[in-house]
Amino acid sequence: MSPRSASVNEELRRRSRERLLQATVELVDERGYEATTLADIAARAGSARGLISYYFPGKRQLLQSAVHRLMHRTLAEALEREPRTEDGRERLARAIDAILGLAERRPVLMRTHMAGILQAEGFVRCPEQQRLAELLRDTVTRYGSDDVDTDYPLLRALLMGAVVAVLLPGAPMPMARLRSELFQRYGLDWEQGTPPGGGPPDGVPVTRTALPDRSVRVPRQSSKSSK
């Protein structure tokens, strides 16, 4: 039997890593972080325990990569679902709803993820996080930002803050209110994205008629169009 090619070996490693990430999401969601061991993850993924150490420095880094993968996949599905659109405002609305929806559907997983980011290890930069960042940056670009390097980190911070507010033990913020605040900041209509049932909170218009918050950059008019 001839040895496997480099491309075949690379694909096998990719699949093995994907299985570990998926198993991590499933088990932490089911049992919580402390009750999930690396041996459990390896068993669920059908991999050797030592293989985890080959790909990841430890369990916390593995979890962050797994959640970033989940966030990227969820965001990509939301942006490309039918009817597909190139409208920047609609795509931003879908992005906000996708991330907030994860906090609502997977509270244990997302609370554990946010707690890990706030610990000493901080934010883990990995391929999954980079793919998520690229997709969010593209969303900000299509929305019309003229300074993506400033506006992308702002959107990321606002989304992280909203997720923390939804998951805050003992004093969670209502999802609809947080959504309406983000939508008003970016000048989005309530009916864009995937609006929750029950309609907007009292006092929040369904359709925005005012300009977006001036703290958010909007596309500059060219000198020709402004004359």
C-alpha atoms as a PDB file:
ATOM      1  CA  MET A   1       0.000   0.000   0.000  1.00  0.00           C
ATOM      2  CA  SER A   2       1.413   3.377  -0.997  1.00  0.00           C
ATOM      3  CA  PRO A   3       1.769   6.030   1.710  1.00  0.00           C
ATOM      4  CA  ARG A   4      -0.927   8.671   1.992  1.00  0.00           C
ATOM      5  CA  SER A   5      -0.274  11.955   0.257  1.00  0.00           C
ATOM      6  CA  ALA A   6       0.309  15.167   2.192  1.00  0.00           C
ATOM      7  CA  SER A   7      -3.120  16.464   1.132  1.00  0.00           C
ATOM      8  CA  VAL A   8      -4.865  13.345   2.422  1.00  0.00           C
ATOM      9  CA  ASN A   9      -3.027  13.579   5.754  1.00  0.00           C
ATOM     10  CA  GLU A  10      -3.966  17.248   6.029  1.00  0.00           C
ATOM     11  CA  GLU A  11      -7.631  16.453   5.411  1.00  0.00           C
ATOM     12  CA  LEU A  12      -7.571  13.708   8.046  1.00  0.00           C
ATOM     13  CA  ARG A  13      -6.052  16.116  10.574  1.00  0.00           C
ATOM     14  CA  ARG A  14      -8.686  18.734   9.719  1.00  0.00           C
ATOM     15  CA  ARG A  15     -11.507  16.256  10.262  1.00  0.00           C
ATOM     16  CA  SER A  16     -10.004  15.036  13.510  1.00  0.00           C
ATOM     17  CA  ARG A  17      -9.757  18.615  14.810  1.00  0.00           C
ATOM     18  CA  GLU A  18     -13.333  19.332  13.723  1.00  0.00           C
ATOM     19  CA  ARG A  19     -14.609  16.298  15.627  1.00  0.00           C
ATOM     20  CA  LEU A  20     -12.854  17.469  18.794  1.00  0.00           C
ATOM     21  CA  LEU A  21     -14.359  20.953  18.473  1.00  0.00           C
ATOM     22  CA  GLN A  22     -17.849  19.578  17.886  1.00  0.00           C
ATOM     23  CA  ALA A  23     -17.562  17.163  20.817  1.00  0.00           C
ATOM     24  CA  THR A  24     -16.470  20.022  23.084  1.00  0.00           C
ATOM     25  CA  VAL A  25     -19.513  22.117  22.200  1.00  0.00           C
ATOM     26  CA  GLU A  26     -21.864  19.199  22.763  1.00  0.00           C
ATOM     27  CA  LEU A  27     -20.428  18.089  26.106  1.00  0.00           C
ATOM     28  CA  VAL A  28     -19.993  21.522  27.696  1.00  0.00           C
ATOM     29  CA  ASP A  29     -23.519  22.380  26.602  1.00  0.00           C
ATOM     30  CA  GLU A  30     -24.817  19.176  28.215  1.00  0.00           C
ATOM     31  CA  ARG A  31     -22.704  18.961  31.383  1.00  0.00           C
ATOM     32  CA  GLY A  32     -20.979  22.290  31.954  1.00  0.00           C
ATOM     33  CA  TYR A  33     -17.292  23.079  31.815  1.00  0.00           C
ATOM     34  CA  GLU A  34     -16.075  21.558  35.079  1.00  0.00           C
ATOM     35  CA  ALA A  35     -17.931  18.272  34.547  1.00  0.00           C
ATOM     36  CA  THR A  36     -16.451  17.829  31.066  1.00  0.00           C
ATOM     37  CA  THR A  37     -13.001  16.226  30.946  1.00  0.00           C
ATOM     38  CA  LEU A  38     -10.581  16.035  28.064  1.00  0.00           C
ATOM     39  CA  ALA A  39     -10.988  12.261  28.164  1.00  0.00           C
ATOM     40  CA  ASP A  40     -14.745  12.719  27.727  1.00  0.00           C
ATOM     41  CA  ILE A  41     -14.166  14.970  24.731  1.00  0.00           C
ATOM     42  CA  ALA A  42     -11.732  12.538  23.117  1.00  0.00           C
ATOM     43  CA  ALA A  43     -14.164   9.657  23.644  1.00  0.00           C
ATOM     44  CA  ARG A  44     -17.090  11.594  22.135  1.00  0.00           C
ATOM     45  CA  ALA A  45     -14.932  12.570  19.154  1.00  0.00           C
ATOM     46  CA  GLY A  46     -13.593   9.031  18.688  1.00  0.00           C
ATOM     47  CA  SER A  47     -10.015  10.280  19.065  1.00  0.00           C
ATOM     48  CA  ALA A  48      -7.024   9.476  21.239  1.00  0.00           C
ATOM     49  CA  ARG A  49      -6.720  11.604  24.387  1.00  0.00           C
ATOM     50  CA  GLY A  50      -3.204  12.674  23.447  1.00  0.00           C
ATOM     51  CA  LEU A  51      -4.441  14.125  20.172  1.00  0.00           C
ATOM     52  CA  ILE A  52      -6.078  17.018  22.015  1.00  0.00           C
ATOM     53  CA  SER A  53      -2.695  18.175  23.311  1.00  0.00           C
ATOM     54  CA  TYR A  54      -1.361  18.050  19.759  1.00  0.00           C
ATOM     55  CA  TYR A  55      -3.913  20.644  18.627  1.00  0.00           C
ATOM     56  CA  PHE A  56      -4.662  22.682  21.773  1.00  0.00           C
ATOM     57  CA  PRO A  57      -2.647  23.886  24.799  1.00  0.00           C
ATOM     58  CA  GLY A  58      -5.476  23.042  27.216  1.00  0.00           C
ATOM     59  CA  LYS A  59      -9.192  22.698  27.815  1.00  0.00           C
ATOM     60  CA  ARG A  60      -9.893  26.431  28.026  1.00  0.00           C
ATOM     61  CA  GLN A  61      -8.264  27.082  24.649  1.00  0.00           C
ATOM     62  CA  LEU A  62     -10.112  24.122  23.175  1.00  0.00           C
ATOM     63  CA  LEU A  63     -13.425  25.497  24.391  1.00  0.00           C
ATOM     64  CA  GLN A  64     -12.797  28.968  22.985  1.00  0.00           C
ATOM     65  CA  SER A  65     -11.891  27.533  19.590  1.00  0.00           C
ATOM     66  CA  ALA A  66     -14.987  25.321  19.688  1.00  0.00           C
ATOM     67  CA  VAL A  67     -17.308  28.216  20.510  1.00  0.00           C
ATOM     68  CA  HIS A  68     -15.696  30.477  17.910  1.00  0.00           C
ATOM     69  CA  ARG A  69     -16.295  27.726  15.353  1.00  0.00           C
ATOM     70  CA  LEU A  70     -19.935  27.499  16.403  1.00  0.00           C
ATOM     71  CA  MET A  71     -20.322  31.278  16.219  1.00  0.00           C
ATOM     72  CA  HIS A  72     -18.727  31.402  12.770  1.00  0.00           C
ATOM     73  CA  ARG A  73     -20.949  28.622  11.412  1.00  0.00           C
ATOM     74  CA  THR A  74     -24.073  30.162  12.933  1.00  0.00           C
ATOM     75  CA  LEU A  75     -23.228  33.586  11.548  1.00  0.00           C
ATOM     76  CA  ALA A  76     -22.418  32.240   8.082  1.00  0.00           C
ATOM     77  CA  GLU A  77     -25.715  30.352   7.929  1.00  0.00           C
ATOM     78  CA  ALA A  78     -27.660  33.442   8.988  1.00  0.00           C
ATOM     79  CA  LEU A  79     -25.979  35.677   6.420  1.00  0.00           C
ATOM     80  CA  GLU A  80     -26.459  33.259   3.529  1.00  0.00           C
ATOM     81  CA  ARG A  81     -29.938  31.948   4.283  1.00  0.00           C
ATOM     82  CA  GLU A  82     -32.740  32.422   1.769  1.00  0.00           C
ATOM     83  CA  PRO A  83     -33.713  34.890   0.581  1.00  0.00           C
ATOM     84  CA  ARG A  84     -30.065  35.796   0.070  1.00  0.00           C
ATOM     85  CA  THR A  85     -29.270  39.470   0.193  1.00  0.00           C
ATOM     86  CA  GLU A  86     -26.406  41.858  -0.422  1.00  0.00           C
ATOM     87  CA  ASP A  87     -28.099  44.651   1.533  1.00  0.00           C
ATOM     88  CA  GLY A  88     -25.631  45.746   4.205  1.00  0.00           C
ATOM     89  CA  ARG A  89     -28.257  46.778   6.763  1.00  0.00           C
ATOM     90  CA  GLU A  90     -30.089  43.451   6.476  1.00  0.00           C
ATOM     91  CA  ARG A  91     -26.854  41.508   6.796  1.00  0.00           C
ATOM     92  CA  LEU A  92     -25.892  43.436   9.927  1.00  0.00           C
ATOM     93  CA  ALA A  93     -29.341  42.764  11.397  1.00  0.00           C
ATOM     94  CA  ARG A  94     -28.916  39.051  10.697  1.00  0.00           C
ATOM     95  CA  ALA A  95     -25.468  39.096  12.303  1.00  0.00           C
ATOM     96  CA  ILE A  96     -26.752  40.707  15.501  1.00  0.00           C
ATOM     97  CA  ASP A  97     -29.642  38.250  15.722  1.00  0.00           C
ATOM     98  CA  ALA A  98     -27.366  35.274  15.092  1.00  0.00           C
ATOM     99  CA  ILE A  99     -25.028  36.095  17.981  1.00  0.00           C
ATOM    100  CA  LEU A 100     -27.794  37.072  20.413  1.00  0.00           C
ATOM    101  CA  GLY A 101     -29.673  33.929  19.426  1.00  0.00           C
ATOM    102  CA  LEU A 102     -26.747  31.758  20.513  1.00  0.00           C
ATOM    103  CA  ALA A 103     -26.855  33.324  23.978  1.00  0.00           C
ATOM    104  CA  GLU A 104     -30.559  32.522  24.175  1.00  0.00           C
ATOM    105  CA  ARG A 105     -30.349  28.958  22.837  1.00  0.00           C
ATOM    106  CA  ARG A 106     -27.077  27.866  24.487  1.00  0.00           C
ATOM    107  CA  PRO A 107     -26.786  29.801  27.748  1.00  0.00           C
ATOM    108  CA  VAL A 108     -24.496  27.331  29.541  1.00  0.00           C
ATOM    109  CA  LEU A 109     -22.048  27.179  26.665  1.00  0.00           C
ATOM    110  CA  MET A 110     -21.975  30.925  26.006  1.00  0.00           C
ATOM    111  CA  ARG A 111     -21.755  31.864  29.699  1.00  0.00           C
ATOM    112  CA  THR A 112     -18.782  29.520  30.081  1.00  0.00           C
ATOM    113  CA  HIS A 113     -17.164  30.981  26.985  1.00  0.00           C
ATOM    114  CA  MET A 114     -17.520  34.575  28.173  1.00  0.00           C
ATOM    115  CA  ALA A 115     -16.225  33.668  31.641  1.00  0.00           C
ATOM    116  CA  GLY A 116     -13.143  32.116  30.064  1.00  0.00           C
ATOM    117  CA  ILE A 117     -12.409  35.242  28.019  1.00  0.00           C
ATOM    118  CA  LEU A 118     -12.544  37.352  31.182  1.00  0.00           C
ATOM    119  CA  GLN A 119     -10.069  35.111  33.014  1.00  0.00           C
ATOM    120  CA  ALA A 120      -6.305  35.403  33.000  1.00  0.00           C
ATOM    121  CA  GLU A 121      -5.854  33.481  29.746  1.00  0.00           C
ATOM    122  CA  GLY A 122      -7.866  36.115  27.952  1.00  0.00           C
ATOM    123  CA  PHE A 123      -8.869  36.011  24.322  1.00  0.00           C
ATOM    124  CA  VAL A 124      -7.537  33.041  22.342  1.00  0.00           C
ATOM    125  CA  ARG A 125      -6.557  33.800  18.760  1.00  0.00           C
ATOM    126  CA  CYS A 126      -7.054  30.695  16.667  1.00  0.00           C
ATOM    127  CA  PRO A 127      -8.149  29.814  13.103  1.00  0.00           C
ATOM    128  CA  GLU A 128     -11.786  29.663  14.204  1.00  0.00           C
ATOM    129  CA  GLN A 129     -11.616  33.103  15.800  1.00  0.00           C
ATOM    130  CA  GLN A 130      -9.932  34.511  12.696  1.00  0.00           C
ATOM    131  CA  ARG A 131     -12.682  33.176  10.426  1.00  0.00           C
ATOM    132  CA  LEU A 132     -15.314  34.679  12.695  1.00  0.00           C
ATOM    133  CA  ALA A 133     -13.488  38.020  12.696  1.00  0.00           C
ATOM    134  CA  GLU A 134     -13.231  38.036   8.902  1.00  0.00           C
ATOM    135  CA  LEU A 135     -16.958  37.439   8.549  1.00  0.00           C
ATOM    136  CA  LEU A 136     -17.848  40.190  11.018  1.00  0.00           C
ATOM    137  CA  ARG A 137     -15.426  42.593   9.335  1.00  0.00           C
ATOM    138  CA  ASP A 138     -17.034  41.818   5.984  1.00  0.00           C
ATOM    139  CA  THR A 139     -20.448  42.512   7.508  1.00  0.00           C
ATOM    140  CA  VAL A 140     -19.277  45.899   8.789  1.00  0.00           C
ATOM    141  CA  THR A 141     -17.794  46.691   5.378  1.00  0.00           C
ATOM    142  CA  ARG A 142     -21.026  45.843   3.569  1.00  0.00           C
ATOM    143  CA  TYR A 143     -22.981  47.901   6.080  1.00  0.00           C
ATOM    144  CA  GLY A 144     -21.051  50.875   4.735  1.00  0.00           C
ATOM    145  CA  SER A 145     -18.307  51.585   7.240  1.00  0.00           C
ATOM    146  CA  ASP A 146     -15.541  53.847   6.020  1.00  0.00           C
ATOM    147  CA  ASP A 147     -13.287  52.856   8.940  1.00  0.00           C
ATOM    148  CA  VAL A 148     -13.573  49.100   9.416  1.00  0.00           C
ATOM    149  CA  ASP A 149     -10.530  48.944  11.701  1.00  0.00           C
ATOM    150  CA  THR A 150     -12.455  51.090  14.194  1.00  0.00           C
ATOM    151  CA  ASP A 151     -16.011  49.922  13.582  1.00  0.00           C
ATOM    152  CA  TYR A 152     -15.367  46.179  13.623  1.00  0.00           C
ATOM    153  CA  PRO A 153     -13.897  46.150  17.178  1.00  0.00           C
ATOM    154  CA  LEU A 154     -16.793  48.372  18.280  1.00  0.00           C
ATOM    155  CA  LEU A 155     -19.373  45.940  16.896  1.00  0.00           C
ATOM    156  CA  ARG A 156     -17.534  43.013  18.498  1.00  0.00           C
ATOM    157  CA  ALA A 157     -17.484  44.793  21.872  1.00  0.00           C
ATOM    158  CA  LEU A 158     -21.172  45.691  21.655  1.00  0.00           C
ATOM    159  CA  LEU A 159     -22.126  42.111  20.804  1.00  0.00           C
ATOM    160  CA  MET A 160     -19.996  40.721  23.639  1.00  0.00           C
ATOM    161  CA  GLY A 161     -21.556  43.197  26.053  1.00  0.00           C
ATOM    162  CA  ALA A 162     -25.057  42.250  24.924  1.00  0.00           C
ATOM    163  CA  VAL A 163     -24.321  38.534  25.348  1.00  0.00           C
ATOM    164  CA  VAL A 164     -23.013  39.153  28.879  1.00  0.00           C
ATOM    165  CA  ALA A 165     -26.116  41.205  29.698  1.00  0.00           C
ATOM    166  CA  VAL A 166     -28.419  38.416  28.481  1.00  0.00           C
ATOM    167  CA  LEU A 167     -26.559  35.799  30.531  1.00  0.00           C
ATOM    168  CA  LEU A 168     -25.925  37.806  33.714  1.00  0.00           C
ATOM    169  CA  PRO A 169     -26.963  35.515  36.587  1.00  0.00           C
ATOM    170  CA  GLY A 170     -29.728  37.021  38.698  1.00  0.00           C
ATOM    171  CA  ALA A 171     -30.178  40.165  36.621  1.00  0.00           C
ATOM    172  CA  PRO A 172     -30.416  39.316  32.918  1.00  0.00           C
ATOM    173  CA  MET A 173     -31.467  42.000  30.468  1.00  0.00           C
ATOM    174  CA  PRO A 174     -34.472  41.232  28.233  1.00  0.00           C
ATOM    175  CA  MET A 175     -33.328  40.058  24.805  1.00  0.00           C
ATOM    176  CA  ALA A 176     -35.815  42.284  22.970  1.00  0.00           C
ATOM    177  CA  ARG A 177     -34.595  45.409  24.738  1.00  0.00           C
ATOM    178  CA  LEU A 178     -30.934  44.677  23.992  1.00  0.00           C
ATOM    179  CA  ARG A 179     -31.783  43.949  20.368  1.00  0.00           C
ATOM    180  CA  SER A 180     -33.715  47.193  20.033  1.00  0.00           C
ATOM    181  CA  GLU A 181     -30.805  49.184  21.477  1.00  0.00           C
ATOM    182  CA  LEU A 182     -28.356  47.667  18.997  1.00  0.00           C
ATOM    183  CA  PHE A 183     -30.767  48.131  16.099  1.00  0.00           C
ATOM    184  CA  GLN A 184     -31.358  51.773  16.981  1.00  0.00           C
ATOM    185  CA  ARG A 185     -27.620  52.402  17.284  1.00  0.00           C
ATOM    186  CA  TYR A 186     -27.075  51.102  13.762  1.00  0.00           C
ATOM    187  CA  GLY A 187     -30.255  52.543  12.258  1.00  0.00           C
ATOM    188  CA  LEU A 188     -31.863  49.165  11.572  1.00  0.00           C
ATOM    189  CA  ASP A 189     -35.577  48.414  11.336  1.00  0.00           C
ATOM    190  CA  TRP A 190     -37.105  46.056  13.904  1.00  0.00           C
ATOM    191  CA  GLU A 191     -38.460  43.776  11.156  1.00  0.00           C
ATOM    192  CA  GLN A 192     -35.022  43.207   9.650  1.00  0.00           C
ATOM    193  CA  GLY A 193     -33.016  40.121  10.543  1.00  0.00           C
ATOM    194  CA  THR A 194     -34.996  37.571  12.557  1.00  0.00           C
ATOM    195  CA  PRO A 195     -37.301  39.584  14.823  1.00  0.00           C
ATOM    196  CA  PRO A 196     -38.472  37.792  17.983  1.00  0.00           C
ATOM    197  CA  GLY A 197     -42.151  37.191  18.580  1.00  0.00           C
ATOM    198  CA  GLY A 198     -44.182  39.708  20.504  1.00  0.00           C
ATOM    199  CA  GLY A 199     -43.014  42.767  18.618  1.00  0.00           C
ATOM    200  CA  PRO A 200     -40.637  45.503  19.761  1.00  0.00           C
ATOM    201  CA  PRO A 201     -40.567  46.822  23.347  1.00  0.00           C
ATOM    202  CA  ASP A 202     -42.870  49.721  24.165  1.00  0.00           C
ATOM    203  CA  GLY A 203     -41.740  52.932  22.545  1.00  0.00           C
ATOM    204  CA  VAL A 204     -39.533  51.273  19.926  1.00  0.00           C
ATOM    205  CA  PRO A 205     -40.654  51.967  16.347  1.00  0.00           C
ATOM    206  CA  VAL A 206     -40.907  49.103  13.879  1.00  0.00           C
ATOM    207  CA  THR A 207     -39.327  51.215  11.151  1.00  0.00           C
ATOM    208  CA  ARG A 208     -36.532  53.670  11.759  1.00  0.00           C
ATOM    209  CA  THR A 209     -37.073  57.092  10.279  1.00  0.00           C
ATOM    210  CA  ALA A 210     -34.179  58.866  11.983  1.00  0.00           C
ATOM    211  CA  LEU A 211     -30.514  58.625  11.072  1.00  0.00           C
ATOM    212  CA  PRO A 212     -28.292  56.112  12.896  1.00  0.00           C
ATOM    213  CA  ASP A 213     -26.577  57.193  16.089  1.00  0.00           C
ATOM    214  CA  ARG A 214     -23.860  59.706  15.242  1.00  0.00           C
ATOM    215  CA  SER A 215     -21.370  57.707  17.284  1.00  0.00           C
ATOM    216  CA  VAL A 216     -21.538  55.053  14.554  1.00  0.00           C
ATOM    217  CA  ARG A 217     -19.730  55.823  11.339  1.00  0.00           C
ATOM    218  CA  VAL A 218     -21.850  55.980   8.207  1.00  0.00           C
ATOM    219  CA  PRO A 219     -20.535  56.039   4.638  1.00  0.00           C
ATOM    220  CA  ARG A 220     -19.148  59.417   3.646  1.00  0.00           C
ATOM    221  CA  GLN A 221     -20.549  61.036   0.541  1.00  0.00           C
ATOM    222  CA  SER A 222     -18.051  61.647  -2.181  1.00  0.00           C
ATOM    223  CA  SER A 223     -17.169  65.230  -3.040  1.00  0.00           C
ATOM    224  CA  LYS A 224     -19.016  64.857  -6.337  1.00  0.00           C
ATOM    225  CA  SER A 225     -22.271  63.638  -4.806  1.00  0.00           C
ATOM    226  CA  SER A 226     -22.222  66.305  -2.111  1.00  0.00           C
ATOM    227  CA  LYS A 227     -22.103  69.166  -4.572  1.00  0.00           C
END
